[in-house]
């Protein structure tokens, strides 16, 4: 079987330049997508950690007994009940209190930290507490951190979309530039009866080779960078940053992204080439 060479190709300098540009864009796309996955995983883990936790603050001493009865009655709905002692509250407030902090003892609320079995159990106890005490879910208290996480996801997603758009424009430019450089070959192919689909396939082969090399290089460089970012985030040990991570399915999705970019580039090349040939 004889090997069928492609009709035309890019010169070496062009090929190297286009490969470098596509590798850079693929690197940015994988990096942005990885950050989206990492922050998304962190937000989900962060919410799951606090969604079932709440604090009860009894401001009126007259309501302490009734609140305690409600807690005892619903003990089967809770994994744990922790009473925050006056000494613990003094330790928490010591940085903000002067030497006369003991005078505030009568004004400190009675506090309980509760870990529930489910959100239904949490809502049930919350309704029973009513206005007898302040019922604060930890998810509400940490809403600002979650909101910041979603904003970071939106920004990273926007960067990913811009990068994919740049890839589309770059591929379109490569196809148009190649068609202009090889206009004479295209005219000869047209004269000997070559179909538009055949010419477009020649262009697709060129673009596919560039994108395969660029996609592999972009992913190989982006993966260690993402690992460094996750390592730096985990060094925080606490907070939303420490929750960042990419699951096995996440890495698989990251691996598929360069493949999707290659398929997208081949499709763009075909559409662009067919459009050029029809206009001619």
C-alpha atoms as a PDB file:
ATOM      1  CA  UNK A   1       0.000   0.000   0.000  1.00  0.00           C
ATOM      2  CA  UNK A   2       1.470   3.351  -1.025  1.00  0.00           C
ATOM      3  CA  UNK A   3       1.402   6.215   1.394  1.00  0.00           C
ATOM      4  CA  UNK A   4      -0.667   9.182   0.206  1.00  0.00           C
ATOM      5  CA  UNK A   5       1.119  12.450   1.017  1.00  0.00           C
ATOM      6  CA  UNK A   6      -0.847  15.564   1.768  1.00  0.00           C
ATOM      7  CA  UNK A   7      -1.040  18.038  -1.090  1.00  0.00           C
ATOM      8  CA  UNK A   8       0.504  20.995   0.772  1.00  0.00           C
ATOM      9  CA  UNK A   9       1.743  21.919   4.241  1.00  0.00           C
ATOM     10  CA  UNK A  10       3.008  24.835   6.295  1.00  0.00           C
ATOM     11  CA  UNK A  11       6.642  25.850   6.127  1.00  0.00           C
ATOM     12  CA  UNK A  12       8.693  24.929   9.207  1.00  0.00           C
ATOM     13  CA  UNK A  13       8.748  28.395  10.815  1.00  0.00           C
ATOM     14  CA  UNK A  14       4.995  28.728  10.396  1.00  0.00           C
ATOM     15  CA  UNK A  15       4.381  25.290  11.827  1.00  0.00           C
ATOM     16  CA  UNK A  16       6.570  25.955  14.894  1.00  0.00           C
ATOM     17  CA  UNK A  17       4.924  29.323  15.531  1.00  0.00           C
ATOM     18  CA  UNK A  18       1.368  27.976  15.226  1.00  0.00           C
ATOM     19  CA  UNK A  19       2.223  24.989  17.417  1.00  0.00           C
ATOM     20  CA  UNK A  20       3.639  27.299  20.112  1.00  0.00           C
ATOM     21  CA  UNK A  21       0.547  29.523  20.009  1.00  0.00           C
ATOM     22  CA  UNK A  22      -1.823  26.543  20.254  1.00  0.00           C
ATOM     23  CA  UNK A  23       0.253  24.987  23.051  1.00  0.00           C
ATOM     24  CA  UNK A  24       0.038  28.230  25.029  1.00  0.00           C
ATOM     25  CA  UNK A  25      -3.724  28.519  24.504  1.00  0.00           C
ATOM     26  CA  UNK A  26      -4.242  24.857  25.426  1.00  0.00           C
ATOM     27  CA  UNK A  27      -2.141  25.368  28.563  1.00  0.00           C
ATOM     28  CA  UNK A  28      -4.307  28.354  29.573  1.00  0.00           C
ATOM     29  CA  UNK A  29      -7.517  26.444  28.839  1.00  0.00           C
ATOM     30  CA  UNK A  30      -6.470  23.410  30.909  1.00  0.00           C
ATOM     31  CA  UNK A  31      -5.239  25.657  33.723  1.00  0.00           C
ATOM     32  CA  UNK A  32      -8.473  27.684  33.816  1.00  0.00           C
ATOM     33  CA  UNK A  33     -10.626  24.534  33.675  1.00  0.00           C
ATOM     34  CA  UNK A  34      -8.550  22.931  36.421  1.00  0.00           C
ATOM     35  CA  UNK A  35      -8.996  25.972  38.652  1.00  0.00           C
ATOM     36  CA  UNK A  36     -12.758  25.867  38.034  1.00  0.00           C
ATOM     37  CA  UNK A  37     -12.860  22.183  39.052  1.00  0.00           C
ATOM     38  CA  UNK A  38     -10.623  22.726  42.097  1.00  0.00           C
ATOM     39  CA  UNK A  39     -12.612  25.673  43.444  1.00  0.00           C
ATOM     40  CA  UNK A  40     -15.915  23.943  42.682  1.00  0.00           C
ATOM     41  CA  UNK A  41     -14.782  20.882  44.641  1.00  0.00           C
ATOM     42  CA  UNK A  42     -13.639  23.150  47.478  1.00  0.00           C
ATOM     43  CA  UNK A  43     -16.980  24.970  47.665  1.00  0.00           C
ATOM     44  CA  UNK A  44     -18.918  21.684  47.707  1.00  0.00           C
ATOM     45  CA  UNK A  45     -16.686  20.251  50.457  1.00  0.00           C
ATOM     46  CA  UNK A  46     -16.861  23.502  52.422  1.00  0.00           C
ATOM     47  CA  UNK A  47     -20.674  23.582  52.303  1.00  0.00           C
ATOM     48  CA  UNK A  48     -20.949  19.893  53.153  1.00  0.00           C
ATOM     49  CA  UNK A  49     -18.777  20.462  56.214  1.00  0.00           C
ATOM     50  CA  UNK A  50     -20.961  23.222  57.640  1.00  0.00           C
ATOM     51  CA  UNK A  51     -24.467  22.619  56.274  1.00  0.00           C
ATOM     52  CA  UNK A  52     -25.396  20.373  59.214  1.00  0.00           C
ATOM     53  CA  UNK A  53     -23.772  22.459  61.943  1.00  0.00           C
ATOM     54  CA  UNK A  54     -25.492  25.226  63.904  1.00  0.00           C
ATOM     55  CA  UNK A  55     -25.011  27.343  67.003  1.00  0.00           C
ATOM     56  CA  UNK A  56     -27.775  28.291  69.452  1.00  0.00           C
ATOM     57  CA  UNK A  57     -27.343  31.523  71.408  1.00  0.00           C
ATOM     58  CA  UNK A  58     -29.710  31.947  74.358  1.00  0.00           C
ATOM     59  CA  UNK A  59     -29.741  35.693  75.053  1.00  0.00           C
ATOM     60  CA  UNK A  60     -32.447  35.657  77.756  1.00  0.00           C
ATOM     61  CA  UNK A  61     -31.482  33.565  80.838  1.00  0.00           C
ATOM     62  CA  UNK A  62     -35.192  32.764  81.388  1.00  0.00           C
ATOM     63  CA  UNK A  63     -35.207  30.700  78.188  1.00  0.00           C
ATOM     64  CA  UNK A  64     -32.182  28.525  79.000  1.00  0.00           C
ATOM     65  CA  UNK A  65     -34.217  25.687  80.554  1.00  0.00           C
ATOM     66  CA  UNK A  66     -36.771  25.550  77.731  1.00  0.00           C
ATOM     67  CA  UNK A  67     -34.046  25.547  75.075  1.00  0.00           C
ATOM     68  CA  UNK A  68     -32.174  22.811  76.948  1.00  0.00           C
ATOM     69  CA  UNK A  69     -35.363  20.714  77.027  1.00  0.00           C
ATOM     70  CA  UNK A  70     -35.799  21.114  73.257  1.00  0.00           C
ATOM     71  CA  UNK A  71     -32.207  20.001  72.706  1.00  0.00           C
ATOM     72  CA  UNK A  72     -32.593  16.971  74.978  1.00  0.00           C
ATOM     73  CA  UNK A  73     -35.914  16.024  73.347  1.00  0.00           C
ATOM     74  CA  UNK A  74     -34.329  16.048  69.885  1.00  0.00           C
ATOM     75  CA  UNK A  75     -31.038  14.405  70.830  1.00  0.00           C
ATOM     76  CA  UNK A  76     -31.726  11.553  68.361  1.00  0.00           C
ATOM     77  CA  UNK A  77     -31.575  14.093  65.518  1.00  0.00           C
ATOM     78  CA  UNK A  78     -28.075  15.221  66.419  1.00  0.00           C
ATOM     79  CA  UNK A  79     -24.690  13.596  66.107  1.00  0.00           C
ATOM     80  CA  UNK A  80     -23.230  15.777  68.843  1.00  0.00           C
ATOM     81  CA  UNK A  81     -24.149  18.557  71.256  1.00  0.00           C
ATOM     82  CA  UNK A  82     -21.415  20.761  72.682  1.00  0.00           C
ATOM     83  CA  UNK A  83     -22.111  23.324  75.374  1.00  0.00           C
ATOM     84  CA  UNK A  84     -19.749  26.276  75.160  1.00  0.00           C
ATOM     85  CA  UNK A  85     -18.741  27.128  78.716  1.00  0.00           C
ATOM     86  CA  UNK A  86     -18.179  30.594  80.129  1.00  0.00           C
ATOM     87  CA  UNK A  87     -14.446  29.882  80.379  1.00  0.00           C
ATOM     88  CA  UNK A  88     -14.302  28.981  76.696  1.00  0.00           C
ATOM     89  CA  UNK A  89     -16.141  32.175  75.775  1.00  0.00           C
ATOM     90  CA  UNK A  90     -13.694  34.199  77.884  1.00  0.00           C
ATOM     91  CA  UNK A  91     -10.817  32.562  75.993  1.00  0.00           C
ATOM     92  CA  UNK A  92     -12.442  33.438  72.670  1.00  0.00           C
ATOM     93  CA  UNK A  93     -13.101  37.046  73.663  1.00  0.00           C
ATOM     94  CA  UNK A  94      -9.846  37.688  75.570  1.00  0.00           C
ATOM     95  CA  UNK A  95      -8.091  39.434  72.618  1.00  0.00           C
ATOM     96  CA  UNK A  96     -10.919  42.005  72.545  1.00  0.00           C
ATOM     97  CA  UNK A  97     -11.434  42.429  76.287  1.00  0.00           C
ATOM     98  CA  UNK A  98      -9.474  44.494  78.762  1.00  0.00           C
ATOM     99  CA  UNK A  99      -8.743  43.437  82.326  1.00  0.00           C
ATOM    100  CA  UNK A 100     -12.360  44.059  83.353  1.00  0.00           C
ATOM    101  CA  UNK A 101     -13.766  41.303  81.145  1.00  0.00           C
ATOM    102  CA  UNK A 102     -15.317  39.502  84.129  1.00  0.00           C
ATOM    103  CA  UNK A 103     -17.910  42.274  84.356  1.00  0.00           C
ATOM    104  CA  UNK A 104     -19.382  41.032  81.061  1.00  0.00           C
ATOM    105  CA  UNK A 105     -20.051  37.527  82.389  1.00  0.00           C
ATOM    106  CA  UNK A 106     -23.720  38.261  83.075  1.00  0.00           C
ATOM    107  CA  UNK A 107     -24.179  39.548  79.546  1.00  0.00           C
ATOM    108  CA  UNK A 108     -22.682  36.604  77.707  1.00  0.00           C
ATOM    109  CA  UNK A 109     -25.251  34.318  76.027  1.00  0.00           C
ATOM    110  CA  UNK A 110     -25.582  30.619  76.759  1.00  0.00           C
ATOM    111  CA  UNK A 111     -24.317  28.823  73.671  1.00  0.00           C
ATOM    112  CA  UNK A 112     -24.634  25.312  72.241  1.00  0.00           C
ATOM    113  CA  UNK A 113     -22.956  23.940  69.131  1.00  0.00           C
ATOM    114  CA  UNK A 114     -25.015  21.246  67.409  1.00  0.00           C
ATOM    115  CA  UNK A 115     -24.120  18.735  64.674  1.00  0.00           C
ATOM    116  CA  UNK A 116     -27.262  17.354  62.977  1.00  0.00           C
ATOM    117  CA  UNK A 117     -27.880  14.109  61.098  1.00  0.00           C
ATOM    118  CA  UNK A 118     -29.679  15.787  58.162  1.00  0.00           C
ATOM    119  CA  UNK A 119     -30.966  19.141  56.949  1.00  0.00           C
ATOM    120  CA  UNK A 120     -34.532  18.072  57.827  1.00  0.00           C
ATOM    121  CA  UNK A 121     -33.471  17.519  61.440  1.00  0.00           C
ATOM    122  CA  UNK A 122     -31.799  20.926  61.481  1.00  0.00           C
ATOM    123  CA  UNK A 123     -34.907  22.681  60.160  1.00  0.00           C
ATOM    124  CA  UNK A 124     -37.124  20.821  62.639  1.00  0.00           C
ATOM    125  CA  UNK A 125     -35.100  21.937  65.669  1.00  0.00           C
ATOM    126  CA  UNK A 126     -34.825  25.451  64.265  1.00  0.00           C
ATOM    127  CA  UNK A 127     -38.630  25.737  64.116  1.00  0.00           C
ATOM    128  CA  UNK A 128     -38.966  24.429  67.669  1.00  0.00           C
ATOM    129  CA  UNK A 129     -36.445  26.953  68.987  1.00  0.00           C
ATOM    130  CA  UNK A 130     -38.403  29.783  67.369  1.00  0.00           C
ATOM    131  CA  UNK A 131     -37.787  33.105  69.075  1.00  0.00           C
ATOM    132  CA  UNK A 132     -36.526  31.566  72.320  1.00  0.00           C
ATOM    133  CA  UNK A 133     -32.930  31.864  71.103  1.00  0.00           C
ATOM    134  CA  UNK A 134     -30.840  32.776  68.104  1.00  0.00           C
ATOM    135  CA  UNK A 135     -30.368  29.816  65.777  1.00  0.00           C
ATOM    136  CA  UNK A 136     -27.344  30.349  63.490  1.00  0.00           C
ATOM    137  CA  UNK A 137     -26.303  27.785  60.897  1.00  0.00           C
ATOM    138  CA  UNK A 138     -22.584  27.794  60.182  1.00  0.00           C
ATOM    139  CA  UNK A 139     -23.295  27.794  56.446  1.00  0.00           C
ATOM    140  CA  UNK A 140     -25.031  31.166  56.866  1.00  0.00           C
ATOM    141  CA  UNK A 141     -22.178  32.538  58.937  1.00  0.00           C
ATOM    142  CA  UNK A 142     -19.647  31.467  56.292  1.00  0.00           C
ATOM    143  CA  UNK A 143     -21.775  32.564  53.340  1.00  0.00           C
ATOM    144  CA  UNK A 144     -19.277  35.262  52.378  1.00  0.00           C
ATOM    145  CA  UNK A 145     -16.529  32.653  51.911  1.00  0.00           C
ATOM    146  CA  UNK A 146     -18.813  30.521  49.736  1.00  0.00           C
ATOM    147  CA  UNK A 147     -19.840  33.588  47.734  1.00  0.00           C
ATOM    148  CA  UNK A 148     -16.181  34.436  47.123  1.00  0.00           C
ATOM    149  CA  UNK A 149     -15.607  30.874  45.900  1.00  0.00           C
ATOM    150  CA  UNK A 150     -18.462  31.101  43.372  1.00  0.00           C
ATOM    151  CA  UNK A 151     -17.144  34.448  42.114  1.00  0.00           C
ATOM    152  CA  UNK A 152     -13.722  32.882  41.569  1.00  0.00           C
ATOM    153  CA  UNK A 153     -15.396  30.054  39.628  1.00  0.00           C
ATOM    154  CA  UNK A 154     -17.231  32.568  37.414  1.00  0.00           C
ATOM    155  CA  UNK A 155     -14.023  34.492  36.734  1.00  0.00           C
ATOM    156  CA  UNK A 156     -12.100  31.308  35.882  1.00  0.00           C
ATOM    157  CA  UNK A 157     -14.969  30.131  33.644  1.00  0.00           C
ATOM    158  CA  UNK A 158     -14.919  33.481  31.861  1.00  0.00           C
ATOM    159  CA  UNK A 159     -11.163  33.127  31.273  1.00  0.00           C
ATOM    160  CA  UNK A 160     -11.758  29.584  29.951  1.00  0.00           C
ATOM    161  CA  UNK A 161     -14.408  30.823  27.501  1.00  0.00           C
ATOM    162  CA  UNK A 162     -12.106  33.629  26.322  1.00  0.00           C
ATOM    163  CA  UNK A 163      -9.305  31.110  25.778  1.00  0.00           C
ATOM    164  CA  UNK A 164     -11.564  28.776  23.791  1.00  0.00           C
ATOM    165  CA  UNK A 165     -12.712  31.753  21.735  1.00  0.00           C
ATOM    166  CA  UNK A 166      -9.076  32.678  21.081  1.00  0.00           C
ATOM    167  CA  UNK A 167      -8.411  29.083  19.987  1.00  0.00           C
ATOM    168  CA  UNK A 168     -11.294  29.291  17.514  1.00  0.00           C
ATOM    169  CA  UNK A 169      -9.986  32.571  16.083  1.00  0.00           C
ATOM    170  CA  UNK A 170      -6.441  31.205  15.919  1.00  0.00           C
ATOM    171  CA  UNK A 171      -7.508  28.072  14.055  1.00  0.00           C
ATOM    172  CA  UNK A 172      -9.605  30.145  11.654  1.00  0.00           C
ATOM    173  CA  UNK A 173      -6.598  32.380  11.005  1.00  0.00           C
ATOM    174  CA  UNK A 174      -4.307  29.392  10.399  1.00  0.00           C
ATOM    175  CA  UNK A 175      -6.766  27.917   7.903  1.00  0.00           C
ATOM    176  CA  UNK A 176      -7.249  31.210   6.047  1.00  0.00           C
ATOM    177  CA  UNK A 177      -3.528  31.974   6.054  1.00  0.00           C
ATOM    178  CA  UNK A 178      -2.669  28.519   4.732  1.00  0.00           C
ATOM    179  CA  UNK A 179      -5.312  28.804   2.018  1.00  0.00           C
ATOM    180  CA  UNK A 180      -3.888  32.177   0.888  1.00  0.00           C
ATOM    181  CA  UNK A 181      -0.305  30.892   0.888  1.00  0.00           C
ATOM    182  CA  UNK A 182      -1.296  27.880  -1.200  1.00  0.00           C
ATOM    183  CA  UNK A 183      -3.808  29.619  -3.419  1.00  0.00           C
ATOM    184  CA  UNK A 184      -2.031  28.341  -6.543  1.00  0.00           C
ATOM    185  CA  UNK A 185      -2.263  24.728  -5.341  1.00  0.00           C
ATOM    186  CA  UNK A 186      -5.943  25.203  -4.566  1.00  0.00           C
ATOM    187  CA  UNK A 187      -6.564  26.499  -8.095  1.00  0.00           C
ATOM    188  CA  UNK A 188      -4.799  23.474  -9.578  1.00  0.00           C
ATOM    189  CA  UNK A 189      -6.794  21.103  -7.388  1.00  0.00           C
ATOM    190  CA  UNK A 190      -9.980  22.831  -8.470  1.00  0.00           C
ATOM    191  CA  UNK A 191      -9.022  22.537 -12.163  1.00  0.00           C
ATOM    192  CA  UNK A 192      -8.342  18.807 -11.945  1.00  0.00           C
ATOM    193  CA  UNK A 193     -11.721  18.252 -10.272  1.00  0.00           C
ATOM    194  CA  UNK A 194     -10.828  17.927  -6.595  1.00  0.00           C
ATOM    195  CA  UNK A 195     -13.890  18.344  -4.398  1.00  0.00           C
ATOM    196  CA  UNK A 196     -14.146  20.949  -1.629  1.00  0.00           C
ATOM    197  CA  UNK A 197     -14.365  18.122   0.898  1.00  0.00           C
ATOM    198  CA  UNK A 198     -11.030  16.704  -0.338  1.00  0.00           C
ATOM    199  CA  UNK A 199      -9.280  20.079  -0.036  1.00  0.00           C
ATOM    200  CA  UNK A 200     -10.800  20.662   3.397  1.00  0.00           C
ATOM    201  CA  UNK A 201      -9.526  17.243   4.495  1.00  0.00           C
ATOM    202  CA  UNK A 202      -5.990  18.227   3.491  1.00  0.00           C
ATOM    203  CA  UNK A 203      -6.296  21.334   5.662  1.00  0.00           C
ATOM    204  CA  UNK A 204      -7.723  19.292   8.531  1.00  0.00           C
ATOM    205  CA  UNK A 205      -4.706  16.968   8.451  1.00  0.00           C
ATOM    206  CA  UNK A 206      -2.353  19.939   8.823  1.00  0.00           C
ATOM    207  CA  UNK A 207      -4.324  21.486  11.698  1.00  0.00           C
ATOM    208  CA  UNK A 208      -4.787  18.109  13.429  1.00  0.00           C
ATOM    209  CA  UNK A 209      -1.021  17.511  13.510  1.00  0.00           C
ATOM    210  CA  UNK A 210      -0.395  20.959  14.970  1.00  0.00           C
ATOM    211  CA  UNK A 211      -3.134  20.605  17.607  1.00  0.00           C
ATOM    212  CA  UNK A 212      -2.131  17.089  18.671  1.00  0.00           C
ATOM    213  CA  UNK A 213       1.430  18.204  19.423  1.00  0.00           C
ATOM    214  CA  UNK A 214       0.248  21.479  21.007  1.00  0.00           C
ATOM    215  CA  UNK A 215      -2.478  19.789  23.049  1.00  0.00           C
ATOM    216  CA  UNK A 216      -0.071  17.235  24.487  1.00  0.00           C
ATOM    217  CA  UNK A 217       2.500  19.894  25.344  1.00  0.00           C
ATOM    218  CA  UNK A 218      -0.098  22.220  26.888  1.00  0.00           C
ATOM    219  CA  UNK A 219      -1.535  19.467  29.096  1.00  0.00           C
ATOM    220  CA  UNK A 220       1.882  18.151  30.193  1.00  0.00           C
ATOM    221  CA  UNK A 221       2.892  21.645  31.353  1.00  0.00           C
ATOM    222  CA  UNK A 222      -0.491  22.577  32.889  1.00  0.00           C
ATOM    223  CA  UNK A 223      -0.838  19.428  35.053  1.00  0.00           C
ATOM    224  CA  UNK A 224       2.245  20.107  37.261  1.00  0.00           C
ATOM    225  CA  UNK A 225       1.252  23.781  37.576  1.00  0.00           C
ATOM    226  CA  UNK A 226      -2.165  22.725  38.860  1.00  0.00           C
ATOM    227  CA  UNK A 227      -0.501  20.357  41.321  1.00  0.00           C
ATOM    228  CA  UNK A 228       1.634  23.240  42.612  1.00  0.00           C
ATOM    229  CA  UNK A 229      -1.461  25.440  43.005  1.00  0.00           C
ATOM    230  CA  UNK A 230      -3.286  22.702  44.947  1.00  0.00           C
ATOM    231  CA  UNK A 231      -0.224  22.104  47.114  1.00  0.00           C
ATOM    232  CA  UNK A 232       0.022  25.802  47.952  1.00  0.00           C
ATOM    233  CA  UNK A 233      -3.717  25.907  48.738  1.00  0.00           C
ATOM    234  CA  UNK A 234      -3.517  22.872  51.048  1.00  0.00           C
ATOM    235  CA  UNK A 235      -0.700  24.511  53.003  1.00  0.00           C
ATOM    236  CA  UNK A 236      -3.354  26.873  54.403  1.00  0.00           C
ATOM    237  CA  UNK A 237      -4.646  23.819  56.375  1.00  0.00           C
ATOM    238  CA  UNK A 238      -7.930  25.559  57.279  1.00  0.00           C
ATOM    239  CA  UNK A 239     -10.552  27.492  55.385  1.00  0.00           C
ATOM    240  CA  UNK A 240     -11.930  27.255  51.876  1.00  0.00           C
ATOM    241  CA  UNK A 241      -8.448  27.186  50.299  1.00  0.00           C
ATOM    242  CA  UNK A 242      -7.579  23.994  52.158  1.00  0.00           C
ATOM    243  CA  UNK A 243     -10.663  22.318  50.644  1.00  0.00           C
ATOM    244  CA  UNK A 244      -9.550  22.794  47.026  1.00  0.00           C
ATOM    245  CA  UNK A 245      -8.994  19.607  45.088  1.00  0.00           C
ATOM    246  CA  UNK A 246      -9.516  17.745  41.816  1.00  0.00           C
ATOM    247  CA  UNK A 247     -11.089  14.288  41.866  1.00  0.00           C
ATOM    248  CA  UNK A 248     -10.192  11.397  39.580  1.00  0.00           C
ATOM    249  CA  UNK A 249     -13.114  12.278  37.313  1.00  0.00           C
ATOM    250  CA  UNK A 250     -11.868  15.877  37.314  1.00  0.00           C
ATOM    251  CA  UNK A 251      -8.444  14.844  36.026  1.00  0.00           C
ATOM    252  CA  UNK A 252     -10.125  12.687  33.406  1.00  0.00           C
ATOM    253  CA  UNK A 253     -12.170  15.710  32.281  1.00  0.00           C
ATOM    254  CA  UNK A 254      -8.962  17.765  32.121  1.00  0.00           C
ATOM    255  CA  UNK A 255      -7.379  15.059  29.959  1.00  0.00           C
ATOM    256  CA  UNK A 256     -10.387  15.152  27.618  1.00  0.00           C
ATOM    257  CA  UNK A 257     -10.209  18.947  27.216  1.00  0.00           C
ATOM    258  CA  UNK A 258      -7.201  18.936  24.801  1.00  0.00           C
ATOM    259  CA  UNK A 259      -8.935  16.172  22.819  1.00  0.00           C
ATOM    260  CA  UNK A 260     -12.077  18.324  22.646  1.00  0.00           C
ATOM    261  CA  UNK A 261      -9.933  21.267  21.498  1.00  0.00           C
ATOM    262  CA  UNK A 262      -8.438  19.122  18.717  1.00  0.00           C
ATOM    263  CA  UNK A 263     -11.905  18.055  17.539  1.00  0.00           C
ATOM    264  CA  UNK A 264     -13.106  21.666  17.752  1.00  0.00           C
ATOM    265  CA  UNK A 265     -10.083  22.845  15.734  1.00  0.00           C
ATOM    266  CA  UNK A 266     -10.704  20.253  13.012  1.00  0.00           C
ATOM    267  CA  UNK A 267     -14.349  21.319  12.798  1.00  0.00           C
ATOM    268  CA  UNK A 268     -13.435  25.021  12.600  1.00  0.00           C
ATOM    269  CA  UNK A 269     -10.874  24.235   9.905  1.00  0.00           C
ATOM    270  CA  UNK A 270     -13.424  22.420   7.772  1.00  0.00           C
ATOM    271  CA  UNK A 271     -15.998  25.203   8.056  1.00  0.00           C
ATOM    272  CA  UNK A 272     -13.423  27.915   7.318  1.00  0.00           C
ATOM    273  CA  UNK A 273     -11.917  26.084   4.350  1.00  0.00           C
ATOM    274  CA  UNK A 274     -15.281  25.269   2.782  1.00  0.00           C
ATOM    275  CA  UNK A 275     -16.311  28.905   3.211  1.00  0.00           C
ATOM    276  CA  UNK A 276     -13.121  30.140   1.483  1.00  0.00           C
ATOM    277  CA  UNK A 277     -13.549  27.695  -1.395  1.00  0.00           C
ATOM    278  CA  UNK A 278     -17.176  28.660  -1.948  1.00  0.00           C
ATOM    279  CA  UNK A 279     -16.309  32.367  -1.998  1.00  0.00           C
ATOM    280  CA  UNK A 280     -13.628  31.698  -4.590  1.00  0.00           C
END
